[in-house]
Amino acid sequence: AGKLRVRCSKCQQGTLTLTRDPSCWEDVLVRNRLMGVCQAQDCDGTVAEFYFKCGAHPTSDSDTSVVLNLITPNRQHVPCITCTDTGDPVLVFPCADCHVICLDCFRLYCMTRLNDRQFIHDPQLGYTLPCVAGCPDSAIKELHHFRILGNHQYDRYQRYGAEEYVLCMRGVLCPSPGCGAGLLPDAGVRRIEC
């Protein structure tokens, strides 16, 4: 389980007193959203910086954890949009309808889209997926959610994402067997070597 922590963004100490508590994920995830007063000597910091620590094992002060804000307990027993089971925990897509998918179906959705190379390349977010129902403005922003694929498939996901980025930048991929390096030629260059 993750533990939410706050610190002063200026001195990085946990001595900031918030002017108000966070009331939604955006308060925690969006920088400069909440303010406070740093109590550390010789620091006039006012901006809160939130981070998560792993509560399952001891960590150093500099270790932080990624927030998987779309994965949540299924307290209302909402059925999965794909299999209609009421699993727990679930992933809630960031769409207007807040579609719910169980983690097994989400893993299968990711694997199928990865195998078919149907992830989308978003210029702001990177290589991502939308809601399984195809809802607009539903792309997954925190790409660590795709770690659900497992190490080998996540490596494929990262490789495909890098390849997609190179191609979007009008680059080329080395055709040599086992290479696949991304090359970004200068404008007007017709011959390049890896």
C-alpha atoms as a PDB file:
ATOM      1  CA  ALA A   1       0.000   0.000   0.000  1.00  0.00           C
ATOM      2  CA  GLY A   2       1.201   3.483  -0.828  1.00  0.00           C
ATOM      3  CA  LYS A   3       1.426   6.282   1.705  1.00  0.00           C
ATOM      4  CA  LEU A   4       0.837   9.860   0.591  1.00  0.00           C
ATOM      5  CA  ARG A   5       3.462  12.330   1.785  1.00  0.00           C
ATOM      6  CA  VAL A   6       3.925  16.077   1.315  1.00  0.00           C
ATOM      7  CA  ARG A   7       7.066  18.207   1.395  1.00  0.00           C
ATOM      8  CA  CYS A   8       8.178  21.731   0.593  1.00  0.00           C
ATOM      9  CA  SER A   9       9.062  21.947  -3.102  1.00  0.00           C
ATOM     10  CA  LYS A  10      11.850  24.440  -2.312  1.00  0.00           C
ATOM     11  CA  CYS A  11      13.831  22.744   0.497  1.00  0.00           C
ATOM     12  CA  GLN A  12      12.455  19.194  -0.027  1.00  0.00           C
ATOM     13  CA  GLN A  13      11.771  18.804   3.710  1.00  0.00           C
ATOM     14  CA  GLY A  14       8.570  17.395   5.162  1.00  0.00           C
ATOM     15  CA  THR A  15       8.018  20.591   7.123  1.00  0.00           C
ATOM     16  CA  LEU A  16       5.300  22.197   5.009  1.00  0.00           C
ATOM     17  CA  THR A  17       1.958  22.996   6.655  1.00  0.00           C
ATOM     18  CA  LEU A  18      -0.810  22.988   4.033  1.00  0.00           C
ATOM     19  CA  THR A  19      -3.356  25.803   3.815  1.00  0.00           C
ATOM     20  CA  ARG A  20      -5.970  23.109   3.023  1.00  0.00           C
ATOM     21  CA  ASP A  21      -6.079  19.343   2.609  1.00  0.00           C
ATOM     22  CA  PRO A  22      -6.177  17.788  -0.871  1.00  0.00           C
ATOM     23  CA  SER A  23      -9.738  17.030  -1.970  1.00  0.00           C
ATOM     24  CA  CYS A  24      -9.138  15.204  -5.270  1.00  0.00           C
ATOM     25  CA  TRP A  25      -6.420  13.469  -7.305  1.00  0.00           C
ATOM     26  CA  GLU A  26      -5.664  16.680  -9.212  1.00  0.00           C
ATOM     27  CA  ASP A  27      -4.711  18.383  -5.939  1.00  0.00           C
ATOM     28  CA  VAL A  28      -2.065  15.699  -5.448  1.00  0.00           C
ATOM     29  CA  LEU A  29      -0.923  15.107  -9.034  1.00  0.00           C
ATOM     30  CA  VAL A  30      -0.856  18.647 -10.491  1.00  0.00           C
ATOM     31  CA  ARG A  31       2.151  20.741  -9.490  1.00  0.00           C
ATOM     32  CA  ASN A  32       1.591  24.123  -7.793  1.00  0.00           C
ATOM     33  CA  ARG A  33      -2.030  23.242  -7.033  1.00  0.00           C
ATOM     34  CA  LEU A  34      -1.818  23.422  -3.213  1.00  0.00           C
ATOM     35  CA  MET A  35       0.055  25.947  -1.137  1.00  0.00           C
ATOM     36  CA  GLY A  36       1.325  26.030   2.410  1.00  0.00           C
ATOM     37  CA  VAL A  37       3.935  27.493   4.727  1.00  0.00           C
ATOM     38  CA  CYS A  38       7.297  25.789   5.222  1.00  0.00           C
ATOM     39  CA  GLN A  39       8.252  25.535   8.898  1.00  0.00           C
ATOM     40  CA  ALA A  40      11.948  24.822   8.209  1.00  0.00           C
ATOM     41  CA  GLN A  41      14.407  27.421   9.409  1.00  0.00           C
ATOM     42  CA  ASP A  42      15.728  29.660   6.592  1.00  0.00           C
ATOM     43  CA  CYS A  43      13.108  28.450   4.080  1.00  0.00           C
ATOM     44  CA  ASP A  44      10.291  30.599   2.730  1.00  0.00           C
ATOM     45  CA  GLY A  45       8.790  27.869   0.530  1.00  0.00           C
ATOM     46  CA  THR A  46       5.048  27.918  -0.083  1.00  0.00           C
ATOM     47  CA  VAL A  47       4.438  25.244  -2.736  1.00  0.00           C
ATOM     48  CA  ALA A  48       3.430  21.708  -1.763  1.00  0.00           C
ATOM     49  CA  GLU A  49       4.983  18.712  -3.500  1.00  0.00           C
ATOM     50  CA  PHE A  50       3.195  15.404  -3.009  1.00  0.00           C
ATOM     51  CA  TYR A  51       4.817  12.002  -3.367  1.00  0.00           C
ATOM     52  CA  PHE A  52       4.085   8.413  -2.454  1.00  0.00           C
ATOM     53  CA  LYS A  53       6.130   5.986  -0.403  1.00  0.00           C
ATOM     54  CA  CYS A  54       5.740   2.230  -0.455  1.00  0.00           C
ATOM     55  CA  GLY A  55       4.154   1.138   2.802  1.00  0.00           C
ATOM     56  CA  ALA A  56       4.940  -2.545   2.279  1.00  0.00           C
ATOM     57  CA  HIS A  57       8.702  -2.390   2.862  1.00  0.00           C
ATOM     58  CA  PRO A  58      11.365  -0.054   4.293  1.00  0.00           C
ATOM     59  CA  THR A  59      12.660   2.604   1.897  1.00  0.00           C
ATOM     60  CA  SER A  60      15.181   5.420   2.026  1.00  0.00           C
ATOM     61  CA  ASP A  61      14.109   9.058   2.208  1.00  0.00           C
ATOM     62  CA  SER A  62      14.790   9.541  -1.506  1.00  0.00           C
ATOM     63  CA  ASP A  63      12.718   6.530  -2.658  1.00  0.00           C
ATOM     64  CA  THR A  64       9.316   7.427  -4.056  1.00  0.00           C
ATOM     65  CA  SER A  65       6.599   5.389  -5.740  1.00  0.00           C
ATOM     66  CA  VAL A  66       4.575   6.109  -8.857  1.00  0.00           C
ATOM     67  CA  VAL A  67       0.887   6.824  -8.315  1.00  0.00           C
ATOM     68  CA  LEU A  68      -1.369   4.416 -10.188  1.00  0.00           C
ATOM     69  CA  ASN A  69      -4.417   6.587  -9.641  1.00  0.00           C
ATOM     70  CA  LEU A  70      -6.671   4.646 -12.029  1.00  0.00           C
ATOM     71  CA  ILE A  71      -6.413   1.406 -10.028  1.00  0.00           C
ATOM     72  CA  THR A  72      -8.830   1.475  -7.139  1.00  0.00           C
ATOM     73  CA  PRO A  73     -10.836  -0.802  -4.843  1.00  0.00           C
ATOM     74  CA  ASN A  74     -14.211  -1.758  -6.297  1.00  0.00           C
ATOM     75  CA  ARG A  75     -16.241  -0.761  -3.232  1.00  0.00           C
ATOM     76  CA  GLN A  76     -19.420  -0.194  -5.241  1.00  0.00           C
ATOM     77  CA  HIS A  77     -19.131  -3.599  -6.967  1.00  0.00           C
ATOM     78  CA  VAL A  78     -19.298  -2.104 -10.465  1.00  0.00           C
ATOM     79  CA  PRO A  79     -19.172  -4.844 -13.129  1.00  0.00           C
ATOM     80  CA  CYS A  80     -16.250  -4.992 -15.557  1.00  0.00           C
ATOM     81  CA  ILE A  81     -17.175  -3.466 -18.921  1.00  0.00           C
ATOM     82  CA  THR A  82     -15.654  -6.502 -20.647  1.00  0.00           C
ATOM     83  CA  CYS A  83     -16.474  -9.649 -18.650  1.00  0.00           C
ATOM     84  CA  THR A  84     -19.197  -8.256 -16.300  1.00  0.00           C
ATOM     85  CA  ASP A  85     -17.510  -9.774 -13.205  1.00  0.00           C
ATOM     86  CA  THR A  86     -17.216  -7.560 -10.133  1.00  0.00           C
ATOM     87  CA  GLY A  87     -13.509  -7.948  -9.426  1.00  0.00           C
ATOM     88  CA  ASP A  88     -11.465  -6.053  -6.875  1.00  0.00           C
ATOM     89  CA  PRO A  89      -9.341  -4.001  -7.433  1.00  0.00           C
ATOM     90  CA  VAL A  90     -10.279  -2.502 -10.815  1.00  0.00           C
ATOM     91  CA  LEU A  91      -9.022   0.121 -13.239  1.00  0.00           C
ATOM     92  CA  VAL A  92     -11.335   3.088 -13.814  1.00  0.00           C
ATOM     93  CA  PHE A  93     -10.737   4.739 -17.186  1.00  0.00           C
ATOM     94  CA  PRO A  94     -10.420   8.549 -17.201  1.00  0.00           C
ATOM     95  CA  CYS A  95     -13.460   8.946 -19.467  1.00  0.00           C
ATOM     96  CA  ALA A  96     -16.679  10.862 -18.796  1.00  0.00           C
ATOM     97  CA  ASP A  97     -18.501   7.581 -18.035  1.00  0.00           C
ATOM     98  CA  CYS A  98     -15.707   6.289 -15.744  1.00  0.00           C
ATOM     99  CA  HIS A  99     -15.839   2.823 -17.318  1.00  0.00           C
ATOM    100  CA  VAL A 100     -14.543   0.067 -15.040  1.00  0.00           C
ATOM    101  CA  ILE A 101     -12.426  -2.891 -16.157  1.00  0.00           C
ATOM    102  CA  CYS A 102     -11.086  -5.712 -13.991  1.00  0.00           C
ATOM    103  CA  LEU A 103      -7.310  -6.094 -13.937  1.00  0.00           C
ATOM    104  CA  ASP A 104      -7.377  -9.440 -15.795  1.00  0.00           C
ATOM    105  CA  CYS A 105      -9.366  -7.895 -18.650  1.00  0.00           C
ATOM    106  CA  PHE A 106      -7.172  -4.779 -18.612  1.00  0.00           C
ATOM    107  CA  ARG A 107      -4.075  -6.969 -18.932  1.00  0.00           C
ATOM    108  CA  LEU A 108      -5.704  -8.827 -21.858  1.00  0.00           C
ATOM    109  CA  TYR A 109      -6.771  -5.519 -23.468  1.00  0.00           C
ATOM    110  CA  CYS A 110      -3.194  -4.210 -23.205  1.00  0.00           C
ATOM    111  CA  MET A 111      -1.703  -7.462 -24.522  1.00  0.00           C
ATOM    112  CA  THR A 112      -4.090  -7.611 -27.487  1.00  0.00           C
ATOM    113  CA  ARG A 113      -3.462  -3.985 -28.427  1.00  0.00           C
ATOM    114  CA  LEU A 114       0.290  -4.477 -28.009  1.00  0.00           C
ATOM    115  CA  ASN A 115       0.318  -7.586 -30.215  1.00  0.00           C
ATOM    116  CA  ASP A 116      -1.652  -5.708 -32.884  1.00  0.00           C
ATOM    117  CA  ARG A 117       0.466  -2.553 -32.398  1.00  0.00           C
ATOM    118  CA  GLN A 118      -2.692  -0.572 -31.737  1.00  0.00           C
ATOM    119  CA  PHE A 119      -1.483   1.592 -28.872  1.00  0.00           C
ATOM    120  CA  ILE A 120      -1.754   5.256 -29.790  1.00  0.00           C
ATOM    121  CA  HIS A 121       1.117   7.724 -29.804  1.00  0.00           C
ATOM    122  CA  ASP A 122       0.026  10.876 -28.012  1.00  0.00           C
ATOM    123  CA  PRO A 123       2.531  13.755 -28.356  1.00  0.00           C
ATOM    124  CA  GLN A 124       2.021  14.779 -24.710  1.00  0.00           C
ATOM    125  CA  LEU A 125       1.635  11.378 -23.051  1.00  0.00           C
ATOM    126  CA  GLY A 126       3.577   8.932 -25.202  1.00  0.00           C
ATOM    127  CA  TYR A 127       2.478   5.411 -26.141  1.00  0.00           C
ATOM    128  CA  THR A 128      -0.885   4.855 -24.478  1.00  0.00           C
ATOM    129  CA  LEU A 129      -4.388   3.415 -24.715  1.00  0.00           C
ATOM    130  CA  PRO A 130      -7.848   4.969 -24.501  1.00  0.00           C
ATOM    131  CA  CYS A 131     -10.874   3.559 -22.716  1.00  0.00           C
ATOM    132  CA  VAL A 132     -11.761   0.089 -23.972  1.00  0.00           C
ATOM    133  CA  ALA A 133     -15.162   1.507 -25.054  1.00  0.00           C
ATOM    134  CA  GLY A 134     -13.428   4.051 -27.316  1.00  0.00           C
ATOM    135  CA  CYS A 135     -14.517   7.090 -25.305  1.00  0.00           C
ATOM    136  CA  PRO A 136     -13.033  10.457 -26.343  1.00  0.00           C
ATOM    137  CA  ASP A 137     -10.402  12.103 -24.147  1.00  0.00           C
ATOM    138  CA  SER A 138      -9.784   8.893 -22.204  1.00  0.00           C
ATOM    139  CA  ALA A 139      -6.084   8.209 -22.769  1.00  0.00           C
ATOM    140  CA  ILE A 140      -4.210   6.762 -19.794  1.00  0.00           C
ATOM    141  CA  LYS A 141      -1.789   9.458 -18.615  1.00  0.00           C
ATOM    142  CA  GLU A 142       0.366   7.505 -16.145  1.00  0.00           C
ATOM    143  CA  LEU A 143       2.111   4.983 -18.381  1.00  0.00           C
ATOM    144  CA  HIS A 144       3.284   2.832 -15.459  1.00  0.00           C
ATOM    145  CA  HIS A 145      -0.226   1.329 -15.501  1.00  0.00           C
ATOM    146  CA  PHE A 146       1.072  -0.757 -18.420  1.00  0.00           C
ATOM    147  CA  ARG A 147       3.500  -2.527 -16.061  1.00  0.00           C
ATOM    148  CA  ILE A 148       0.580  -4.932 -15.640  1.00  0.00           C
ATOM    149  CA  LEU A 149       1.913  -6.560 -18.830  1.00  0.00           C
ATOM    150  CA  GLY A 150       4.864  -8.080 -16.940  1.00  0.00           C
ATOM    151  CA  ASN A 151       8.562  -7.420 -17.566  1.00  0.00           C
ATOM    152  CA  HIS A 152       8.965  -9.064 -20.991  1.00  0.00           C
ATOM    153  CA  GLN A 153       5.829  -7.540 -22.514  1.00  0.00           C
ATOM    154  CA  TYR A 154       6.527  -4.158 -20.883  1.00  0.00           C
ATOM    155  CA  ASP A 155       9.937  -4.196 -22.589  1.00  0.00           C
ATOM    156  CA  ARG A 156       8.112  -4.772 -25.905  1.00  0.00           C
ATOM    157  CA  TYR A 157       5.743  -1.925 -25.065  1.00  0.00           C
ATOM    158  CA  GLN A 158       8.693   0.423 -24.437  1.00  0.00           C
ATOM    159  CA  ARG A 159      10.449  -0.687 -27.631  1.00  0.00           C
ATOM    160  CA  TYR A 160       7.299  -0.192 -29.735  1.00  0.00           C
ATOM    161  CA  GLY A 161       6.725   3.195 -28.114  1.00  0.00           C
ATOM    162  CA  ALA A 162      10.287   4.285 -28.928  1.00  0.00           C
ATOM    163  CA  GLU A 163       9.911   3.050 -32.518  1.00  0.00           C
ATOM    164  CA  GLU A 164       6.607   4.911 -32.874  1.00  0.00           C
ATOM    165  CA  TYR A 165       8.228   8.097 -31.568  1.00  0.00           C
ATOM    166  CA  VAL A 166      11.120   7.816 -34.051  1.00  0.00           C
ATOM    167  CA  LEU A 167       8.689   7.311 -36.932  1.00  0.00           C
ATOM    168  CA  CYS A 168       6.535  10.276 -35.806  1.00  0.00           C
ATOM    169  CA  MET A 169       9.691  12.415 -35.821  1.00  0.00           C
ATOM    170  CA  ARG A 170      10.220  11.386 -39.490  1.00  0.00           C
ATOM    171  CA  GLY A 171      13.029   9.093 -38.508  1.00  0.00           C
ATOM    172  CA  VAL A 172      13.807   5.594 -39.755  1.00  0.00           C
ATOM    173  CA  LEU A 173      14.589   2.292 -38.073  1.00  0.00           C
ATOM    174  CA  CYS A 174      17.737   0.358 -38.927  1.00  0.00           C
ATOM    175  CA  PRO A 175      16.708  -2.683 -41.013  1.00  0.00           C
ATOM    176  CA  SER A 176      19.679  -4.834 -39.915  1.00  0.00           C
ATOM    177  CA  PRO A 177      18.539  -8.067 -38.217  1.00  0.00           C
ATOM    178  CA  GLY A 178      18.520  -7.655 -34.439  1.00  0.00           C
ATOM    179  CA  CYS A 179      19.266  -3.915 -34.561  1.00  0.00           C
ATOM    180  CA  GLY A 180      16.221  -1.693 -35.068  1.00  0.00           C
ATOM    181  CA  ALA A 181      18.047   1.437 -33.858  1.00  0.00           C
ATOM    182  CA  GLY A 182      16.172   4.687 -34.432  1.00  0.00           C
ATOM    183  CA  LEU A 183      17.886   7.139 -36.751  1.00  0.00           C
ATOM    184  CA  LEU A 184      16.889  10.785 -37.201  1.00  0.00           C
ATOM    185  CA  PRO A 185      18.493  12.003 -40.438  1.00  0.00           C
ATOM    186  CA  ASP A 186      19.086  15.685 -41.107  1.00  0.00           C
ATOM    187  CA  ALA A 187      16.765  17.344 -43.618  1.00  0.00           C
ATOM    188  CA  GLY A 188      17.678  16.494 -47.196  1.00  0.00           C
ATOM    189  CA  VAL A 189      19.936  13.555 -46.280  1.00  0.00           C
ATOM    190  CA  ARG A 190      19.079  10.547 -48.439  1.00  0.00           C
ATOM    191  CA  ARG A 191      21.695   8.059 -47.225  1.00  0.00           C
ATOM    192  CA  ILE A 192      22.503   7.211 -43.610  1.00  0.00           C
ATOM    193  CA  GLU A 193      24.382   4.419 -41.881  1.00  0.00           C
ATOM    194  CA  CYS A 194      23.750   2.846 -38.523  1.00  0.00           C
END
